[in-house]
Protein backbone atom coordinates (compact mmCIF):
# COMPACT_ATOMS: atom_id res chain seq x y z
CA MET A 1 5.61 16.36 -13.83
CA SER A 2 6.95 15.36 -17.22
CA LEU A 3 5.27 17.01 -20.19
CA ALA A 4 4.51 13.51 -21.47
CA GLU A 5 3.17 12.17 -18.17
CA PRO A 6 -0.40 10.83 -18.63
CA THR A 7 -3.18 12.38 -16.55
CA GLY A 8 -6.16 10.06 -17.07
CA THR A 9 -8.25 8.75 -14.17
CA TYR A 10 -8.40 5.17 -12.93
CA GLU A 11 -9.58 3.07 -10.01
CA ARG A 12 -7.32 0.73 -8.02
CA THR A 13 -8.81 -2.33 -6.35
CA ASP A 14 -7.31 -5.14 -4.30
CA ILE A 15 -7.32 -8.53 -5.99
CA ALA A 16 -6.45 -12.10 -5.07
CA PHE A 17 -6.12 -15.25 -7.14
CA ARG A 18 -5.01 -18.82 -6.57
CA THR A 19 -2.11 -20.53 -8.27
CA ASP A 20 -2.31 -24.01 -9.75
CA ASP A 21 -0.99 -25.48 -6.48
CA GLY A 22 -3.40 -23.53 -4.30
CA ILE A 23 -1.31 -20.57 -3.10
CA THR A 24 -3.17 -17.24 -2.84
CA LEU A 25 -1.39 -14.32 -4.50
CA ARG A 26 -2.53 -10.77 -3.72
CA GLY A 27 -2.13 -7.58 -5.69
CA TRP A 28 -3.80 -4.62 -7.37
CA HIS A 29 -5.89 -4.09 -10.46
CA PHE A 30 -5.84 -0.62 -12.01
CA LEU A 31 -8.98 -0.02 -14.09
CA PRO A 32 -8.90 3.11 -16.28
CA ALA A 33 -12.07 5.19 -16.60
CA SER A 34 -12.08 4.49 -20.35
CA ALA A 35 -12.86 0.82 -19.62
CA GLU A 36 -16.44 1.87 -18.85
CA LEU A 37 -16.92 2.63 -22.55
CA ALA A 38 -15.22 -0.42 -24.07
CA PRO A 39 -12.77 -3.19 -23.09
CA GLN A 40 -9.22 -1.88 -22.87
CA PRO A 41 -5.76 -3.44 -23.29
CA LEU A 42 -4.23 -4.84 -20.12
CA ILE A 43 -0.61 -4.79 -18.93
CA ILE A 44 0.55 -7.47 -16.49
CA MET A 45 3.55 -6.41 -14.38
CA HIS A 46 6.43 -8.42 -12.90
CA HIS A 47 9.12 -6.52 -10.99
CA GLY A 48 12.60 -7.35 -9.78
CA PHE A 49 14.21 -9.73 -7.30
CA SER A 50 12.34 -9.72 -3.96
CA ALA A 51 10.22 -6.71 -5.04
CA VAL A 52 6.68 -6.23 -3.76
CA LYS A 53 3.97 -4.19 -5.45
CA GLU A 54 4.62 -1.05 -3.38
CA GLY A 55 8.31 -1.10 -4.08
CA TYR A 56 9.04 1.70 -6.57
CA PRO A 57 9.58 4.73 -4.34
CA GLU A 58 9.61 7.76 -6.63
CA HIS A 59 7.26 6.82 -9.45
CA PHE A 60 5.02 3.86 -10.14
CA PHE A 61 5.03 2.37 -13.60
CA GLU A 62 1.61 0.88 -12.82
CA GLU A 63 0.10 4.30 -12.21
CA TYR A 64 1.82 5.75 -15.25
CA PHE A 65 0.29 3.12 -17.56
CA ALA A 66 -3.13 3.27 -15.87
CA ALA A 67 -3.22 7.05 -16.27
CA ALA A 68 -2.52 6.49 -19.96
CA GLY A 69 -5.67 4.37 -20.28
CA PHE A 70 -4.30 0.84 -19.85
CA GLY A 71 -5.62 -1.69 -17.41
CA VAL A 72 -2.81 -2.94 -15.14
CA LEU A 73 -2.40 -6.01 -12.95
CA THR A 74 0.44 -6.23 -10.42
CA TYR A 75 0.91 -8.64 -7.52
CA ASP A 76 3.29 -9.81 -4.82
CA PRO A 77 5.09 -13.00 -5.90
CA ARG A 78 4.57 -16.04 -3.72
CA SER A 79 6.17 -15.96 -0.27
CA LEU A 80 6.67 -12.19 -0.50
CA GLY A 81 4.61 -9.25 0.73
CA GLU A 82 0.91 -10.03 1.15
CA SER A 83 0.96 -13.20 -0.94
CA GLY A 84 0.92 -16.69 0.50
CA GLY A 85 3.71 -19.22 0.32
CA ARG A 86 4.94 -22.21 2.28
CA ILE A 87 8.38 -20.75 3.06
CA ARG A 88 8.48 -17.00 3.58
CA GLN A 89 11.07 -14.96 1.68
CA GLU A 90 11.87 -17.86 -0.64
CA ILE A 91 12.24 -16.99 -4.33
CA ASP A 92 11.91 -19.99 -6.59
CA PRO A 93 12.21 -18.81 -10.22
CA PHE A 94 10.48 -21.88 -11.60
CA LEU A 95 7.46 -21.43 -9.32
CA GLN A 96 7.41 -17.73 -10.22
CA VAL A 97 7.24 -18.69 -13.90
CA SER A 98 4.28 -20.98 -13.22
CA ASP A 99 2.60 -18.33 -11.06
CA PHE A 100 3.01 -15.74 -13.78
CA ARG A 101 1.15 -17.91 -16.24
CA ASP A 102 -1.60 -18.29 -13.60
CA ALA A 103 -1.64 -14.49 -13.34
CA ILE A 104 -2.30 -14.30 -17.08
CA SER A 105 -5.23 -16.70 -16.68
CA PHE A 106 -6.64 -14.57 -13.87
CA ALA A 107 -6.06 -11.33 -15.77
CA LEU A 108 -8.27 -12.54 -18.60
CA THR A 109 -11.20 -12.77 -16.15
CA LEU A 110 -10.92 -9.14 -15.00
CA PRO A 111 -13.57 -6.58 -16.00
CA GLY A 112 -12.85 -4.21 -18.85
CA VAL A 113 -10.11 -6.39 -20.41
CA ASP A 114 -9.75 -7.00 -24.13
CA PRO A 115 -8.26 -10.53 -24.27
CA GLN A 116 -6.77 -9.83 -27.69
CA ARG A 117 -4.68 -6.95 -26.33
CA VAL A 118 -2.72 -8.28 -23.35
CA GLY A 119 0.84 -7.12 -22.74
CA VAL A 120 3.56 -7.57 -20.14
CA TRP A 121 5.95 -5.08 -18.57
CA SER A 122 8.75 -6.69 -16.59
CA ALA A 123 12.02 -5.67 -14.97
CA SER A 124 15.28 -7.27 -13.84
CA TYR A 125 14.59 -10.69 -12.27
CA GLY A 126 10.96 -10.36 -13.31
CA GLY A 127 12.15 -9.73 -16.85
CA GLY A 128 13.65 -13.19 -16.93
CA THR A 129 10.51 -14.63 -15.37
CA ALA A 130 8.35 -13.11 -18.07
CA ILE A 131 10.61 -14.26 -20.91
CA GLN A 132 10.57 -17.85 -19.69
CA ALA A 133 6.83 -17.79 -18.90
CA LEU A 134 6.02 -16.58 -22.40
CA ALA A 135 8.14 -19.17 -24.17
CA MET A 136 4.99 -21.06 -25.12
CA ASP A 137 2.12 -18.74 -24.22
CA ARG A 138 0.29 -17.08 -27.09
CA ARG A 139 -2.15 -15.22 -24.82
CA VAL A 140 0.28 -12.30 -24.45
CA HIS A 141 0.77 -10.16 -27.53
CA CYS A 142 3.39 -7.63 -26.46
CA LEU A 143 6.35 -7.91 -24.07
CA ILE A 144 8.63 -5.25 -22.60
CA SER A 145 11.56 -6.41 -20.50
CA THR A 146 13.74 -3.82 -18.74
CA VAL A 147 17.32 -4.69 -17.67
CA PRO A 148 16.28 -8.36 -17.67
CA PHE A 149 17.94 -11.17 -15.74
CA LEU A 150 18.95 -13.62 -18.46
CA SER A 151 21.51 -16.16 -17.22
CA GLY A 152 22.34 -17.35 -13.74
CA GLY A 153 25.18 -19.39 -15.19
CA ALA A 154 26.77 -16.33 -16.78
CA ILE A 155 26.67 -14.47 -13.47
CA TRP A 156 28.03 -17.52 -11.62
CA ASN A 157 30.98 -17.70 -13.98
CA MET A 158 31.77 -14.03 -13.32
CA LEU A 159 32.33 -14.71 -9.61
CA PRO A 160 35.82 -15.39 -8.26
CA ALA A 161 36.53 -19.07 -7.63
CA GLU A 162 36.86 -18.54 -3.87
CA ILE A 163 33.40 -16.97 -3.65
CA ARG A 164 31.89 -19.80 -5.67
CA GLN A 165 33.41 -22.38 -3.33
CA ASN A 166 32.15 -20.51 -0.26
CA MET A 167 28.66 -20.39 -1.78
CA LEU A 168 28.69 -24.10 -2.56
CA ARG A 169 29.53 -24.84 1.08
CA LEU A 170 26.73 -22.52 2.19
CA PHE A 171 24.22 -24.25 -0.09
CA GLU A 172 25.28 -27.70 1.15
CA THR A 173 24.99 -26.65 4.80
CA ASP A 174 21.56 -25.14 4.26
CA ARG A 175 20.27 -28.27 2.54
CA ALA A 176 21.63 -30.47 5.33
CA GLN A 177 19.95 -28.30 7.97
CA ARG A 178 16.64 -28.34 6.10
CA ALA A 179 16.82 -32.11 5.78
CA ALA A 180 17.30 -32.27 9.56
CA GLY A 181 14.13 -30.25 10.09
CA GLN A 182 15.79 -26.93 10.89
CA ALA A 183 14.59 -23.57 9.58
CA PRO A 184 16.00 -22.36 6.25
CA GLN A 185 19.02 -20.11 6.45
CA THR A 186 18.62 -16.56 5.15
CA VAL A 187 20.94 -14.02 3.55
CA ALA A 188 20.65 -10.25 3.14
CA ILE A 189 19.64 -8.87 -0.23
CA ALA A 190 21.76 -5.73 0.13
CA SER A 191 24.22 -4.45 2.71
CA GLU A 192 25.78 -1.10 3.53
CA ASP A 193 29.07 -2.95 4.08
CA PRO A 194 29.14 -6.21 2.07
CA ALA A 195 32.56 -7.05 3.50
CA ARG A 196 30.99 -7.37 6.95
CA THR A 197 27.51 -8.53 5.98
CA PRO A 198 27.46 -10.81 2.93
CA CYS A 199 24.57 -10.11 0.60
CA ILE A 200 23.17 -11.02 -2.81
CA LEU A 201 23.48 -7.59 -4.41
CA PRO A 202 26.83 -6.28 -3.12
CA THR A 203 26.86 -2.81 -4.67
CA LYS A 204 26.43 0.65 -3.18
CA LYS A 205 23.57 1.42 -5.58
CA SER A 206 21.77 -1.76 -4.51
CA TRP A 207 21.94 -0.72 -0.86
CA GLU A 208 20.71 2.80 -1.62
CA TRP A 209 17.87 1.52 -3.78
CA CYS A 210 16.77 -1.11 -1.27
CA MET A 211 16.71 1.40 1.58
CA ARG A 212 14.50 3.71 -0.50
CA VAL A 213 12.20 0.79 -1.16
CA ALA A 214 12.11 -0.13 2.53
CA ALA A 215 11.02 3.41 3.40
CA VAL A 216 7.81 3.12 1.35
CA ALA A 217 7.15 -0.63 1.32
CA PRO A 218 6.85 -2.03 4.86
CA ASN A 219 6.06 -5.50 3.46
CA TRP A 220 9.48 -5.68 1.79
CA LYS A 221 12.19 -7.44 3.79
CA ASN A 222 15.94 -7.27 3.30
CA GLU A 223 16.41 -11.02 3.33
CA VAL A 224 15.70 -14.14 1.32
CA THR A 225 16.43 -17.79 1.94
CA VAL A 226 19.81 -19.20 0.96
CA ARG A 227 17.99 -21.51 -1.44
CA SER A 228 16.73 -18.41 -3.25
CA LEU A 229 20.33 -17.52 -3.99
CA GLU A 230 21.13 -21.09 -5.03
CA SER A 231 18.14 -21.19 -7.37
CA GLN A 232 19.19 -17.93 -8.99
CA PHE A 233 22.30 -19.55 -10.46
CA GLY A 234 20.21 -22.25 -12.13
CA PHE A 235 17.77 -19.81 -13.74
CA GLU A 236 18.41 -19.51 -17.50
CA PRO A 237 15.79 -17.37 -19.31
CA MET A 238 18.26 -16.91 -22.18
CA ALA A 239 17.61 -20.53 -23.12
CA TYR A 240 13.97 -19.61 -23.79
CA VAL A 241 14.45 -16.37 -25.70
CA SER A 242 14.31 -18.10 -29.08
CA ARG A 243 10.88 -19.51 -28.18
CA ILE A 244 8.99 -16.49 -26.82
CA THR A 245 5.66 -16.02 -28.60
CA PRO A 246 4.65 -12.33 -28.22
CA LYS A 247 4.28 -10.58 -31.56
CA SER A 248 6.33 -7.59 -30.41
CA LEU A 249 9.26 -7.31 -28.00
CA LEU A 250 11.00 -4.27 -26.54
CA LEU A 251 14.18 -4.80 -24.54
CA ILE A 252 15.46 -1.89 -22.45
CA GLY A 253 19.04 -2.07 -21.23
CA ALA A 254 21.48 0.02 -19.21
CA GLU A 255 24.91 0.56 -20.77
CA ASN A 256 26.62 0.80 -17.37
CA ASP A 257 24.69 -1.99 -15.65
CA ASP A 258 26.88 -3.51 -12.91
CA LEU A 259 24.42 -6.30 -12.08
CA ILE A 260 23.34 -7.64 -15.49
CA PRO A 261 25.90 -7.27 -18.30
CA ILE A 262 24.47 -5.31 -21.23
CA ALA A 263 26.09 -7.87 -23.55
CA LEU A 264 23.51 -10.43 -22.40
CA THR A 265 20.64 -8.10 -23.27
CA ARG A 266 22.10 -7.51 -26.73
CA GLU A 267 22.48 -11.26 -27.21
CA ALA A 268 18.85 -11.81 -26.18
CA PHE A 269 17.73 -9.23 -28.71
CA GLU A 270 19.57 -11.02 -31.50
CA ARG A 271 18.09 -14.38 -30.51
CA ALA A 272 14.48 -13.23 -30.13
CA PRO A 273 12.30 -14.40 -33.05
CA CYS A 274 9.56 -11.78 -32.58
CA PRO A 275 8.43 -10.30 -35.91
CA GLU A 276 8.60 -6.80 -34.40
CA LYS A 277 11.32 -6.01 -31.89
CA ASP A 278 13.54 -3.19 -30.70
CA LEU A 279 16.38 -2.60 -28.26
CA VAL A 280 16.73 0.67 -26.34
CA VAL A 281 19.88 1.22 -24.26
CA PHE A 282 20.19 4.15 -21.87
CA PRO A 283 23.61 5.53 -20.76
CA CYS A 284 23.05 4.67 -17.10
CA GLY A 285 23.27 1.97 -14.42
CA HIS A 286 20.80 -0.74 -13.50
CA TYR A 287 18.61 1.18 -11.02
CA SER A 288 18.67 4.44 -12.97
CA CYS A 289 16.09 2.99 -15.37
CA TYR A 290 13.66 3.23 -12.44
CA ASP A 291 14.54 6.70 -11.13
CA ASP A 292 16.93 9.05 -12.97
CA TYR A 293 15.71 7.61 -16.28
CA PHE A 294 12.19 6.80 -15.11
CA PHE A 295 10.43 9.00 -17.64
CA GLN A 296 12.67 7.88 -20.49
CA THR A 297 11.94 4.25 -19.59
CA ALA A 298 8.23 4.89 -19.05
CA GLU A 299 7.81 6.91 -22.23
CA ALA A 300 9.65 4.33 -24.34
CA SER A 301 7.45 1.64 -22.81
CA LEU A 302 4.25 3.61 -23.31
CA GLY A 303 5.15 4.33 -26.92
CA TRP A 304 5.69 0.62 -27.53
CA PHE A 305 2.40 -0.31 -25.87
CA ASP A 306 0.58 2.39 -27.81
CA LYS A 307 1.89 1.09 -31.11
CA HIS A 308 1.71 -2.65 -30.51
CA LEU A 309 -1.03 -3.11 -27.90
CA ARG A 310 -3.47 -0.20 -27.84
CA LEU A 311 -3.82 -0.17 -31.63
CA ALA A 312 -3.57 -3.96 -32.07
CA VAL A 313 -6.44 -5.80 -33.70
């Protein structure tokens, strides 16, 4: 246990809410014991690409924040885990943005919540989702985004021309098959040998991380639809950074990130108009923010929430 690790008590309950288009999303609400005395600040979580609520194997940020006295809401995105969705394992960033705003609406109905002290903690793909969702939403007062996904176009342009052409053919074939009434094609998220099994996250660390997730999260699956990959390259949260409304913003980056270039995170920080903002960069890779640097990430996040959410008026 870290010397700074919170030790407060809390209760976790299952929750469910409906999106604007009628999909049921399922998750957890962590209610700290202190909420019995007075309404407490609430943190809404959104994790990375394909992640489900059980998916952080060594430590849970949700539990860390709840033990520190914050209410926490986390849920499985549509079509993943226990949540509903028309096409399973399909990740549509634009629907996730809409769903996240519905999650904020639901969060404000939860017991023990102070509606004037609502914050968001997000990571990787979910970091981009939160940034875009909060472009015009004044209900959230504090945002933390860790190694955020910021530009599908930038990542597309980093790919070799041959790979881009192969992907375009794959996308066209999948759309033709869907139009003919066939099932959507799928692709692996990570692979032990990307040369043999093409995947979305073709790094050794991605495979190791995903296998650790699979060991503790039986609802997580190592596949998504091909359209999920296609949609990723059209997702541009960076275009919304200059419009985000939270009063305070903390960006956490990884200097040696091999999935999301740290230069994009630094650019987002410069563009963000928040009156109070900070950028913390750890000397590590993408996934290390969740394990080797878990406590550094969690403590930086908790310090930001303490300053800008717990004490907010």
